[in-house]
């Protein structure tokens, strides 16, 4: 009897055994990947708790945002400080190059 379009053709026992073996191999690989991913996640959670006091993703996002804001504040302060130094240096150079001021 021919297979209908919605059904797969009947397989012999050897083809079924091969299919089962392939599926079993895929299952074993998936289980190993799951174990590895779980171990990695556990290690990362432990590291996050050690470094940041939490492994909660939302709290970590909040902490990251706070760190970025603090970093930006410090960067802006550093930039302002450098600009002030450059301004003072330019004034010193102008004073040095102005013969009236060197009297």
PDB file of N, CA and C in Angstrom:
ATOM      1  N   UNK A   1       0.843  -1.170   0.000  1.00  0.00           N
ATOM      2  CA  UNK A   1       0.000   0.000   0.000  1.00  0.00           C
ATOM      3  C   UNK A   1       0.895   1.241   0.000  1.00  0.00           C
ATOM      4  N   UNK A   2       0.722   2.171  -0.935  1.00  0.00           N
ATOM      5  CA  UNK A   2       1.565   3.354  -1.004  1.00  0.00           C
ATOM      6  C   UNK A   2       1.264   4.306   0.151  1.00  0.00           C
ATOM      7  N   UNK A   3       2.281   5.018   0.548  1.00  0.00           N
ATOM      8  CA  UNK A   3       2.121   5.962   1.661  1.00  0.00           C
ATOM      9  C   UNK A   3       1.376   7.192   1.163  1.00  0.00           C
ATOM     10  N   UNK A   4       0.492   7.695   2.019  1.00  0.00           N
ATOM     11  CA  UNK A   4      -0.235   8.914   1.661  1.00  0.00           C
ATOM     12  C   UNK A   4       0.711  10.102   1.821  1.00  0.00           C
ATOM     13  N   UNK A   5       0.416  11.237   1.199  1.00  0.00           N
ATOM     14  CA  UNK A   5       1.309  12.388   1.280  1.00  0.00           C
ATOM     15  C   UNK A   5       1.569  12.860   2.714  1.00  0.00           C
ATOM     16  N   UNK A   6       0.626  12.637   3.634  1.00  0.00           N
ATOM     17  CA  UNK A   6       0.809  13.114   5.003  1.00  0.00           C
ATOM     18  C   UNK A   6       1.542  12.104   5.877  1.00  0.00           C
ATOM     19  N   UNK A   7       1.774  10.889   5.380  1.00  0.00           N
ATOM     20  CA  UNK A   7       2.473   9.877   6.162  1.00  0.00           C
ATOM     21  C   UNK A   7       3.826   9.582   5.534  1.00  0.00           C
ATOM     22  N   UNK A   8       4.788   9.269   6.418  1.00  0.00           N
ATOM     23  CA  UNK A   8       6.096   8.867   5.920  1.00  0.00           C
ATOM     24  C   UNK A   8       6.007   7.417   5.476  1.00  0.00           C
ATOM     25  N   UNK A   9       6.852   7.031   4.536  1.00  0.00           N
ATOM     26  CA  UNK A   9       6.815   5.632   4.086  1.00  0.00           C
ATOM     27  C   UNK A   9       7.264   4.704   5.209  1.00  0.00           C
ATOM     28  N   UNK A  10       6.771   3.476   5.188  1.00  0.00           N
ATOM     29  CA  UNK A  10       7.149   2.476   6.183  1.00  0.00           C
ATOM     30  C   UNK A  10       8.631   2.160   6.027  1.00  0.00           C
ATOM     31  N   UNK A  11       9.336   2.035   7.184  1.00  0.00           N
ATOM     32  CA  UNK A  11      10.750   1.734   7.165  1.00  0.00           C
ATOM     33  C   UNK A  11      10.974   0.301   7.625  1.00  0.00           C
ATOM     34  N   UNK A  12      12.020  -0.336   7.103  1.00  0.00           N
ATOM     35  CA  UNK A  12      12.325  -1.682   7.572  1.00  0.00           C
ATOM     36  C   UNK A  12      13.012  -1.600   8.928  1.00  0.00           C
ATOM     37  N   UNK A  13      13.205  -2.715   9.574  1.00  0.00           N
ATOM     38  CA  UNK A  13      13.740  -2.753  10.935  1.00  0.00           C
ATOM     39  C   UNK A  13      15.139  -2.161  11.012  1.00  0.00           C
ATOM     40  N   UNK A  14      15.977  -2.367  10.027  1.00  0.00           N
ATOM     41  CA  UNK A  14      17.335  -1.833  10.033  1.00  0.00           C
ATOM     42  C   UNK A  14      17.321  -0.307   9.958  1.00  0.00           C
ATOM     43  N   UNK A  15      16.456   0.230   9.137  1.00  0.00           N
ATOM     44  CA  UNK A  15      16.349   1.690   9.032  1.00  0.00           C
ATOM     45  C   UNK A  15      15.838   2.276  10.351  1.00  0.00           C
ATOM     46  N   UNK A  16      14.902   1.569  10.987  1.00  0.00           N
ATOM     47  CA  UNK A  16      14.376   2.032  12.274  1.00  0.00           C
ATOM     48  C   UNK A  16      15.465   1.980  13.354  1.00  0.00           C
ATOM     49  N   UNK A  17      16.270   0.925  13.345  1.00  0.00           N
ATOM     50  CA  UNK A  17      17.366   0.817  14.318  1.00  0.00           C
ATOM     51  C   UNK A  17      18.374   1.957  14.126  1.00  0.00           C
ATOM     52  N   UNK A  18      18.687   2.233  12.860  1.00  0.00           N
ATOM     53  CA  UNK A  18      19.620   3.322  12.570  1.00  0.00           C
ATOM     54  C   UNK A  18      19.032   4.652  13.037  1.00  0.00           C
ATOM     55  N   UNK A  19      17.751   4.834  12.765  1.00  0.00           N
ATOM     56  CA  UNK A  19      17.088   6.081  13.193  1.00  0.00           C
ATOM     57  C   UNK A  19      17.112   6.192  14.717  1.00  0.00           C
ATOM     58  N   UNK A  20      16.861   5.091  15.403  1.00  0.00           N
ATOM     59  CA  UNK A  20      16.876   5.096  16.868  1.00  0.00           C
ATOM     60  C   UNK A  20      18.280   5.420  17.387  1.00  0.00           C
ATOM     61  N   UNK A  21      19.287   4.798  16.759  1.00  0.00           N
ATOM     62  CA  UNK A  21      20.672   5.038  17.169  1.00  0.00           C
ATOM     63  C   UNK A  21      21.041   6.511  16.970  1.00  0.00           C
ATOM     64  N   UNK A  22      20.637   7.097  15.845  1.00  0.00           N
ATOM     65  CA  UNK A  22      20.907   8.516  15.586  1.00  0.00           C
ATOM     66  C   UNK A  22      20.216   9.401  16.623  1.00  0.00           C
ATOM     67  N   UNK A  23      18.968   9.090  16.914  1.00  0.00           N
ATOM     68  CA  UNK A  23      18.229   9.869  17.910  1.00  0.00           C
ATOM     69  C   UNK A  23      18.854   9.721  19.294  1.00  0.00           C
ATOM     70  N   UNK A  24      19.318   8.521  19.619  1.00  0.00           N
ATOM     71  CA  UNK A  24      19.955   8.291  20.918  1.00  0.00           C
ATOM     72  C   UNK A  24      21.252   9.097  21.009  1.00  0.00           C
ATOM     73  N   UNK A  25      21.999   9.141  19.917  1.00  0.00           N
ATOM     74  CA  UNK A  25      23.229   9.932  19.874  1.00  0.00           C
ATOM     75  C   UNK A  25      22.911  11.417  20.048  1.00  0.00           C
ATOM     76  N   UNK A  26      21.868  11.888  19.400  1.00  0.00           N
ATOM     77  CA  UNK A  26      21.462  13.289  19.539  1.00  0.00           C
ATOM     78  C   UNK A  26      21.045  13.594  20.987  1.00  0.00           C
ATOM     79  N   UNK A  27      20.362  12.635  21.597  1.00  0.00           N
ATOM     80  CA  UNK A  27      19.928  12.800  22.992  1.00  0.00           C
ATOM     81  C   UNK A  27      21.147  12.894  23.908  1.00  0.00           C
ATOM     82  N   UNK A  28      22.121  12.023  23.695  1.00  0.00           N
ATOM     83  CA  UNK A  28      23.334  12.028  24.510  1.00  0.00           C
ATOM     84  C   UNK A  28      24.083  13.353  24.356  1.00  0.00           C
ATOM     85  N   UNK A  29      24.176  13.832  23.131  1.00  0.00           N
ATOM     86  CA  UNK A  29      24.842  15.111  22.871  1.00  0.00           C
ATOM     87  C   UNK A  29      24.083  16.249  23.549  1.00  0.00           C
ATOM     88  N   UNK A  30      22.767  16.237  23.435  1.00  0.00           N
ATOM     89  CA  UNK A  30      21.954  17.287  24.051  1.00  0.00           C
ATOM     90  C   UNK A  30      22.099  17.266  25.574  1.00  0.00           C
ATOM     91  N   UNK A  31      22.143  16.073  26.150  1.00  0.00           N
ATOM     92  CA  UNK A  31      22.318  15.972  27.605  1.00  0.00           C
ATOM     93  C   UNK A  31      23.684  16.499  28.035  1.00  0.00           C
ATOM     94  N   UNK A  32      24.716  16.173  27.258  1.00  0.00           N
ATOM     95  CA  UNK A  32      26.062  16.660  27.571  1.00  0.00           C
ATOM     96  C   UNK A  32      26.111  18.186  27.442  1.00  0.00           C
ATOM     97  N   UNK A  33      25.480  18.717  26.412  1.00  0.00           N
ATOM     98  CA  UNK A  33      25.436  20.167  26.233  1.00  0.00           C
ATOM     99  C   UNK A  33      24.674  20.832  27.378  1.00  0.00           C
ATOM    100  N   UNK A  34      23.592  20.223  27.798  1.00  0.00           N
ATOM    101  CA  UNK A  34      22.819  20.760  28.916  1.00  0.00           C
ATOM    102  C   UNK A  34      23.651  20.760  30.195  1.00  0.00           C
ATOM    103  N   UNK A  35      24.346  19.683  30.452  1.00  0.00           N
ATOM    104  CA  UNK A  35      25.195  19.597  31.643  1.00  0.00           C
ATOM    105  C   UNK A  35      26.282  20.671  31.600  1.00  0.00           C
ATOM    106  N   UNK A  36      26.927  20.816  30.459  1.00  0.00           N
ATOM    107  CA  UNK A  36      27.970  21.821  30.314  1.00  0.00           C
ATOM    108  C   UNK A  36      27.413  23.230  30.511  1.00  0.00           C
ATOM    109  N   UNK A  37      26.270  23.501  29.904  1.00  0.00           N
ATOM    110  CA  UNK A  37      25.657  24.828  30.035  1.00  0.00           C
ATOM    111  C   UNK A  37      25.241  25.093  31.480  1.00  0.00           C
ATOM    112  N   UNK A  38      24.734  24.090  32.149  1.00  0.00           N
ATOM    113  CA  UNK A  38      24.323  24.238  33.546  1.00  0.00           C
ATOM    114  C   UNK A  38      25.534  24.521  34.428  1.00  0.00           C
ATOM    115  N   UNK A  39      26.617  23.799  34.191  1.00  0.00           N
ATOM    116  CA  UNK A  39      27.838  24.030  34.968  1.00  0.00           C
ATOM    117  C   UNK A  39      28.402  25.423  34.716  1.00  0.00           C
ATOM    118  N   UNK A  40      28.379  25.851  33.470  1.00  0.00           N
ATOM    119  CA  UNK A  40      28.857  27.193  33.138  1.00  0.00           C
ATOM    120  C   UNK A  40      27.987  28.250  33.803  1.00  0.00           C
ATOM    121  N   UNK A  41      26.677  28.066  33.745  1.00  0.00           N
ATOM    122  CA  UNK A  41      25.756  29.012  34.385  1.00  0.00           C
ATOM    123  C   UNK A  41      26.002  29.069  35.883  1.00  0.00           C
ATOM    124  N   UNK A  42      26.162  27.917  36.508  1.00  0.00           N
ATOM    125  CA  UNK A  42      26.429  27.893  37.953  1.00  0.00           C
ATOM    126  C   UNK A  42      27.731  28.618  38.289  1.00  0.00           C
ATOM    127  N   UNK A  43      28.756  28.405  37.477  1.00  0.00           N
ATOM    128  CA  UNK A  43      30.045  29.067  37.716  1.00  0.00           C
ATOM    129  C   UNK A  43      29.912  30.581  37.546  1.00  0.00           C
ATOM    130  N   UNK A  44      29.177  30.999  36.526  1.00  0.00           N
ATOM    131  CA  UNK A  44      28.988  32.434  36.300  1.00  0.00           C
ATOM    132  C   UNK A  44      28.157  33.069  37.412  1.00  0.00           C
ATOM    133  N   UNK A  45      27.153  32.348  37.887  1.00  0.00           N
ATOM    134  CA  UNK A  45      26.352  32.862  39.010  1.00  0.00           C
ATOM    135  C   UNK A  45      27.222  33.018  40.258  1.00  0.00           C
ATOM    136  N   UNK A  46      28.061  32.024  40.501  1.00  0.00           N
ATOM    137  CA  UNK A  46      28.965  32.087  41.659  1.00  0.00           C
ATOM    138  C   UNK A  46      29.905  33.286  41.522  1.00  0.00           C
ATOM    139  N   UNK A  47      30.465  33.465  40.340  1.00  0.00           N
ATOM    140  CA  UNK A  47      31.368  34.591  40.094  1.00  0.00           C
ATOM    141  C   UNK A  47      30.641  35.923  40.285  1.00  0.00           C
ATOM    142  N   UNK A  48      29.422  36.019  39.803  1.00  0.00           N
ATOM    143  CA  UNK A  48      28.643  37.255  39.956  1.00  0.00           C
ATOM    144  C   UNK A  48      28.368  37.541  41.430  1.00  0.00           C
ATOM    145  N   UNK A  49      28.030  36.508  42.182  1.00  0.00           N
ATOM    146  CA  UNK A  49      27.783  36.699  43.625  1.00  0.00           C
ATOM    147  C   UNK A  49      29.051  37.166  44.330  1.00  0.00           C
ATOM    148  N   UNK A  50      30.201  36.596  43.943  1.00  0.00           N
ATOM    149  CA  UNK A  50      31.469  36.973  44.553  1.00  0.00           C
ATOM    150  C   UNK A  50      31.829  38.425  44.227  1.00  0.00           C
ATOM    151  N   UNK A  51      31.680  38.802  42.969  1.00  0.00           N
ATOM    152  CA  UNK A  51      32.106  40.129  42.528  1.00  0.00           C
ATOM    153  C   UNK A  51      31.087  41.220  42.831  1.00  0.00           C
ATOM    154  N   UNK A  52      29.800  40.909  42.671  1.00  0.00           N
ATOM    155  CA  UNK A  52      28.780  41.954  42.724  1.00  0.00           C
ATOM    156  C   UNK A  52      27.730  41.745  43.811  1.00  0.00           C
ATOM    157  N   UNK A  53      27.846  40.665  44.552  1.00  0.00           N
ATOM    158  CA  UNK A  53      26.929  40.430  45.659  1.00  0.00           C
ATOM    159  C   UNK A  53      25.578  39.874  45.262  1.00  0.00           C
ATOM    160  N   UNK A  54      25.378  39.595  43.997  1.00  0.00           N
ATOM    161  CA  UNK A  54      24.107  39.027  43.536  1.00  0.00           C
ATOM    162  C   UNK A  54      24.315  38.307  42.208  1.00  0.00           C
ATOM    163  N   UNK A  55      23.383  37.404  41.905  1.00  0.00           N
ATOM    164  CA  UNK A  55      23.388  36.784  40.590  1.00  0.00           C
ATOM    165  C   UNK A  55      22.061  37.055  39.881  1.00  0.00           C
ATOM    166  N   UNK A  56      21.270  37.982  40.446  1.00  0.00           N
ATOM    167  CA  UNK A  56      19.987  38.349  39.854  1.00  0.00           C
ATOM    168  C   UNK A  56      20.234  39.220  38.619  1.00  0.00           C
ATOM    169  N   UNK A  57      19.774  38.792  37.452  1.00  0.00           N
ATOM    170  CA  UNK A  57      20.034  39.552  36.222  1.00  0.00           C
ATOM    171  C   UNK A  57      19.546  41.001  36.281  1.00  0.00           C
ATOM    172  N   UNK A  58      18.392  41.238  36.865  1.00  0.00           N
ATOM    173  CA  UNK A  58      17.874  42.611  36.941  1.00  0.00           C
ATOM    174  C   UNK A  58      18.743  43.479  37.840  1.00  0.00           C
ATOM    175  N   UNK A  59      19.171  42.933  38.959  1.00  0.00           N
ATOM    176  CA  UNK A  59      20.041  43.691  39.860  1.00  0.00           C
ATOM    177  C   UNK A  59      21.395  43.943  39.206  1.00  0.00           C
ATOM    178  N   UNK A  60      21.894  42.956  38.470  1.00  0.00           N
ATOM    179  CA  UNK A  60      23.166  43.133  37.762  1.00  0.00           C
ATOM    180  C   UNK A  60      23.043  44.209  36.680  1.00  0.00           C
ATOM    181  N   UNK A  61      21.917  44.242  35.979  1.00  0.00           N
ATOM    182  CA  UNK A  61      21.691  45.283  34.976  1.00  0.00           C
ATOM    183  C   UNK A  61      21.681  46.660  35.632  1.00  0.00           C
ATOM    184  N   UNK A  62      21.014  46.749  36.779  1.00  0.00           N
ATOM    185  CA  UNK A  62      20.949  48.016  37.502  1.00  0.00           C
ATOM    186  C   UNK A  62      22.355  48.438  37.945  1.00  0.00           C
ATOM    187  N   UNK A  63      23.120  47.500  38.477  1.00  0.00           N
ATOM    188  CA  UNK A  63      24.490  47.803  38.903  1.00  0.00           C
ATOM    189  C   UNK A  63      25.346  48.240  37.725  1.00  0.00           C
ATOM    190  N   UNK A  64      25.188  47.571  36.601  1.00  0.00           N
ATOM    191  CA  UNK A  64      25.948  47.928  35.406  1.00  0.00           C
ATOM    192  C   UNK A  64      25.609  49.352  34.970  1.00  0.00           C
ATOM    193  N   UNK A  65      24.337  49.688  34.993  1.00  0.00           N
ATOM    194  CA  UNK A  65      23.921  51.037  34.605  1.00  0.00           C
ATOM    195  C   UNK A  65      24.517  52.074  35.553  1.00  0.00           C
ATOM    196  N   UNK A  66      24.508  51.762  36.841  1.00  0.00           N
ATOM    197  CA  UNK A  66      25.102  52.675  37.824  1.00  0.00           C
ATOM    198  C   UNK A  66      26.600  52.831  37.581  1.00  0.00           C
ATOM    199  N   UNK A  67      27.279  51.726  37.265  1.00  0.00           N
ATOM    200  CA  UNK A  67      28.713  51.794  36.989  1.00  0.00           C
ATOM    201  C   UNK A  67      28.987  52.626  35.743  1.00  0.00           C
ATOM    202  N   UNK A  68      28.154  52.474  34.721  1.00  0.00           N
ATOM    203  CA  UNK A  68      28.330  53.255  33.498  1.00  0.00           C
ATOM    204  C   UNK A  68      28.137  54.746  33.777  1.00  0.00           C
ATOM    205  N   UNK A  69      27.133  55.078  34.582  1.00  0.00           N
ATOM    206  CA  UNK A  69      26.895  56.476  34.923  1.00  0.00           C
ATOM    207  C   UNK A  69      28.065  57.049  35.718  1.00  0.00           C
ATOM    208  N   UNK A  70      28.568  56.290  36.666  1.00  0.00           N
ATOM    209  CA  UNK A  70      29.711  56.735  37.458  1.00  0.00           C
ATOM    210  C   UNK A  70      30.948  56.902  36.568  1.00  0.00           C
ATOM    211  N   UNK A  71      31.144  55.979  35.664  1.00  0.00           N
ATOM    212  CA  UNK A  71      32.265  56.062  34.732  1.00  0.00           C
ATOM    213  C   UNK A  71      32.139  57.312  33.858  1.00  0.00           C
ATOM    214  N   UNK A  72      30.955  57.590  33.387  1.00  0.00           N
ATOM    215  CA  UNK A  72      30.739  58.779  32.558  1.00  0.00           C
ATOM    216  C   UNK A  72      30.991  60.050  33.356  1.00  0.00           C
ATOM    217  N   UNK A  73      30.562  60.068  34.612  1.00  0.00           N
ATOM    218  CA  UNK A  73      30.802  61.224  35.472  1.00  0.00           C
ATOM    219  C   UNK A  73      32.311  61.450  35.643  1.00  0.00           C
ATOM    220  N   UNK A  74      33.035  60.379  35.908  1.00  0.00           N
ATOM    221  CA  UNK A  74      34.481  60.481  36.072  1.00  0.00           C
ATOM    222  C   UNK A  74      35.162  60.893  34.772  1.00  0.00           C
ATOM    223  N   UNK A  75      34.723  60.341  33.660  1.00  0.00           N
ATOM    224  CA  UNK A  75      35.305  60.682  32.363  1.00  0.00           C
ATOM    225  C   UNK A  75      35.096  62.162  32.059  1.00  0.00           C
ATOM    226  N   UNK A  76      33.884  62.656  32.320  1.00  0.00           N
ATOM    227  CA  UNK A  76      33.584  64.069  32.077  1.00  0.00           C
ATOM    228  C   UNK A  76      34.442  64.960  32.976  1.00  0.00           C
ATOM    229  N   UNK A  77      34.618  64.572  34.219  1.00  0.00           N
ATOM    230  CA  UNK A  77      35.467  65.326  35.129  1.00  0.00           C
ATOM    231  C   UNK A  77      36.913  65.344  34.667  1.00  0.00           C
ATOM    232  N   UNK A  78      37.393  64.228  34.191  1.00  0.00           N
ATOM    233  CA  UNK A  78      38.759  64.128  33.695  1.00  0.00           C
ATOM    234  C   UNK A  78      38.939  65.010  32.460  1.00  0.00           C
ATOM    235  N   UNK A  79      37.955  64.966  31.569  1.00  0.00           N
ATOM    236  CA  UNK A  79      38.012  65.793  30.364  1.00  0.00           C
ATOM    237  C   UNK A  79      38.037  67.273  30.753  1.00  0.00           C
ATOM    238  N   UNK A  80      37.198  67.674  31.698  1.00  0.00           N
ATOM    239  CA  UNK A  80      37.162  69.070  32.144  1.00  0.00           C
ATOM    240  C   UNK A  80      38.512  69.466  32.740  1.00  0.00           C
ATOM    241  N   UNK A  81      39.081  68.590  33.533  1.00  0.00           N
ATOM    242  CA  UNK A  81      40.382  68.853  34.149  1.00  0.00           C
ATOM    243  C   UNK A  81      41.462  69.063  33.073  1.00  0.00           C
ATOM    244  N   UNK A  82      41.481  68.204  32.066  1.00  0.00           N
ATOM    245  CA  UNK A  82      42.457  68.341  30.984  1.00  0.00           C
ATOM    246  C   UNK A  82      42.251  69.644  30.213  1.00  0.00           C
ATOM    247  N   UNK A  83      40.996  70.003  29.986  1.00  0.00           N
ATOM    248  CA  UNK A  83      40.718  71.251  29.282  1.00  0.00           C
ATOM    249  C   UNK A  83      41.200  72.457  30.097  1.00  0.00           C
ATOM    250  N   UNK A  84      41.035  72.390  31.420  1.00  0.00           N
ATOM    251  CA  UNK A  84      41.525  73.475  32.281  1.00  0.00           C
ATOM    252  C   UNK A  84      43.055  73.577  32.210  1.00  0.00           C
ATOM    253  N   UNK A  85      43.713  72.433  32.211  1.00  0.00           N
ATOM    254  CA  UNK A  85      45.183  72.423  32.102  1.00  0.00           C
ATOM    255  C   UNK A  85      45.603  73.032  30.769  1.00  0.00           C
ATOM    256  N   UNK A  86      44.936  72.629  29.694  1.00  0.00           N
ATOM    257  CA  UNK A  86      45.268  73.169  28.373  1.00  0.00           C
ATOM    258  C   UNK A  86      45.051  74.676  28.325  1.00  0.00           C
ATOM    259  N   UNK A  87      43.979  75.160  28.943  1.00  0.00           N
ATOM    260  CA  UNK A  87      43.700  76.596  28.977  1.00  0.00           C
ATOM    261  C   UNK A  87      44.784  77.338  29.737  1.00  0.00           C
ATOM    262  N   UNK A  88      45.177  76.818  30.891  1.00  0.00           N
ATOM    263  CA  UNK A  88      46.235  77.463  31.689  1.00  0.00           C
ATOM    264  C   UNK A  88      47.574  77.422  30.947  1.00  0.00           C
ATOM    265  N   UNK A  89      47.852  76.299  30.298  1.00  0.00           N
ATOM    266  CA  UNK A  89      49.093  76.184  29.534  1.00  0.00           C
ATOM    267  C   UNK A  89      49.112  77.191  28.392  1.00  0.00           C
ATOM    268  N   UNK A  90      47.997  77.332  27.704  1.00  0.00           N
ATOM    269  CA  UNK A  90      47.924  78.298  26.617  1.00  0.00           C
ATOM    270  C   UNK A  90      48.154  79.713  27.148  1.00  0.00           C
ATOM    271  N   UNK A  91      47.607  79.997  28.330  1.00  0.00           N
ATOM    272  CA  UNK A  91      47.806  81.322  28.924  1.00  0.00           C
ATOM    273  C   UNK A  91      49.274  81.533  29.295  1.00  0.00           C
ATOM    274  N   UNK A  92      49.922  80.525  29.841  1.00  0.00           N
ATOM    275  CA  UNK A  92      51.342  80.620  30.179  1.00  0.00           C
ATOM    276  C   UNK A  92      52.160  80.865  28.916  1.00  0.00           C
ATOM    277  N   UNK A  93      51.845  80.157  27.847  1.00  0.00           N
ATOM    278  CA  UNK A  93      52.568  80.345  26.585  1.00  0.00           C
ATOM    279  C   UNK A  93      52.353  81.754  26.039  1.00  0.00           C
ATOM    280  N   UNK A  94      51.116  82.265  26.123  1.00  0.00           N
ATOM    281  CA  UNK A  94      50.848  83.633  25.664  1.00  0.00           C
ATOM    282  C   UNK A  94      51.632  84.629  26.508  1.00  0.00           C
ATOM    283  N   UNK A  95      51.624  84.420  27.824  1.00  0.00           N
ATOM    284  CA  UNK A  95      52.366  85.323  28.712  1.00  0.00           C
ATOM    285  C   UNK A  95      53.865  85.270  28.416  1.00  0.00           C
ATOM    286  N   UNK A  96      54.385  84.114  28.159  1.00  0.00           N
ATOM    287  CA  UNK A  96      55.810  83.953  27.893  1.00  0.00           C
ATOM    288  C   UNK A  96      56.208  84.618  26.570  1.00  0.00           C
ATOM    289  N   UNK A  97      55.309  84.505  25.586  1.00  0.00           N
ATOM    290  CA  UNK A  97      55.592  85.053  24.252  1.00  0.00           C
ATOM    291  C   UNK A  97      55.270  86.550  24.149  1.00  0.00           C
ATOM    292  N   UNK A  98      54.616  87.140  25.144  1.00  0.00           N
ATOM    293  CA  UNK A  98      54.258  88.554  25.121  1.00  0.00           C
ATOM    294  C   UNK A  98      55.379  89.344  25.772  1.00  0.00           C
ATOM    295  N   UNK A  99      56.147  90.118  24.999  1.00  0.00           N
ATOM    296  CA  UNK A  99      57.286  90.837  25.557  1.00  0.00           C
ATOM    297  C   UNK A  99      56.877  91.852  26.624  1.00  0.00           C
ATOM    298  N   UNK A 100      55.692  92.407  26.565  1.00  0.00           N
ATOM    299  CA  UNK A 100      55.259  93.388  27.563  1.00  0.00           C
ATOM    300  C   UNK A 100      55.089  92.744  28.931  1.00  0.00           C
ATOM    301  N   UNK A 101      54.725  91.486  28.954  1.00  0.00           N
ATOM    302  CA  UNK A 101      54.493  90.813  30.236  1.00  0.00           C
ATOM    303  C   UNK A 101      55.789  90.314  30.848  1.00  0.00           C
ATOM    304  N   UNK A 102      56.848  90.183  30.053  1.00  0.00           N
ATOM    305  CA  UNK A 102      58.105  89.631  30.548  1.00  0.00           C
ATOM    306  C   UNK A 102      58.987  90.700  31.191  1.00  0.00           C
ATOM    307  N   UNK A 103      58.677  91.911  31.129  1.00  0.00           N
ATOM    308  CA  UNK A 103      59.526  93.009  31.571  1.00  0.00           C
ATOM    309  C   UNK A 103      60.397  92.672  32.671  1.00  0.00           C
TER     310      UNK A 103
END
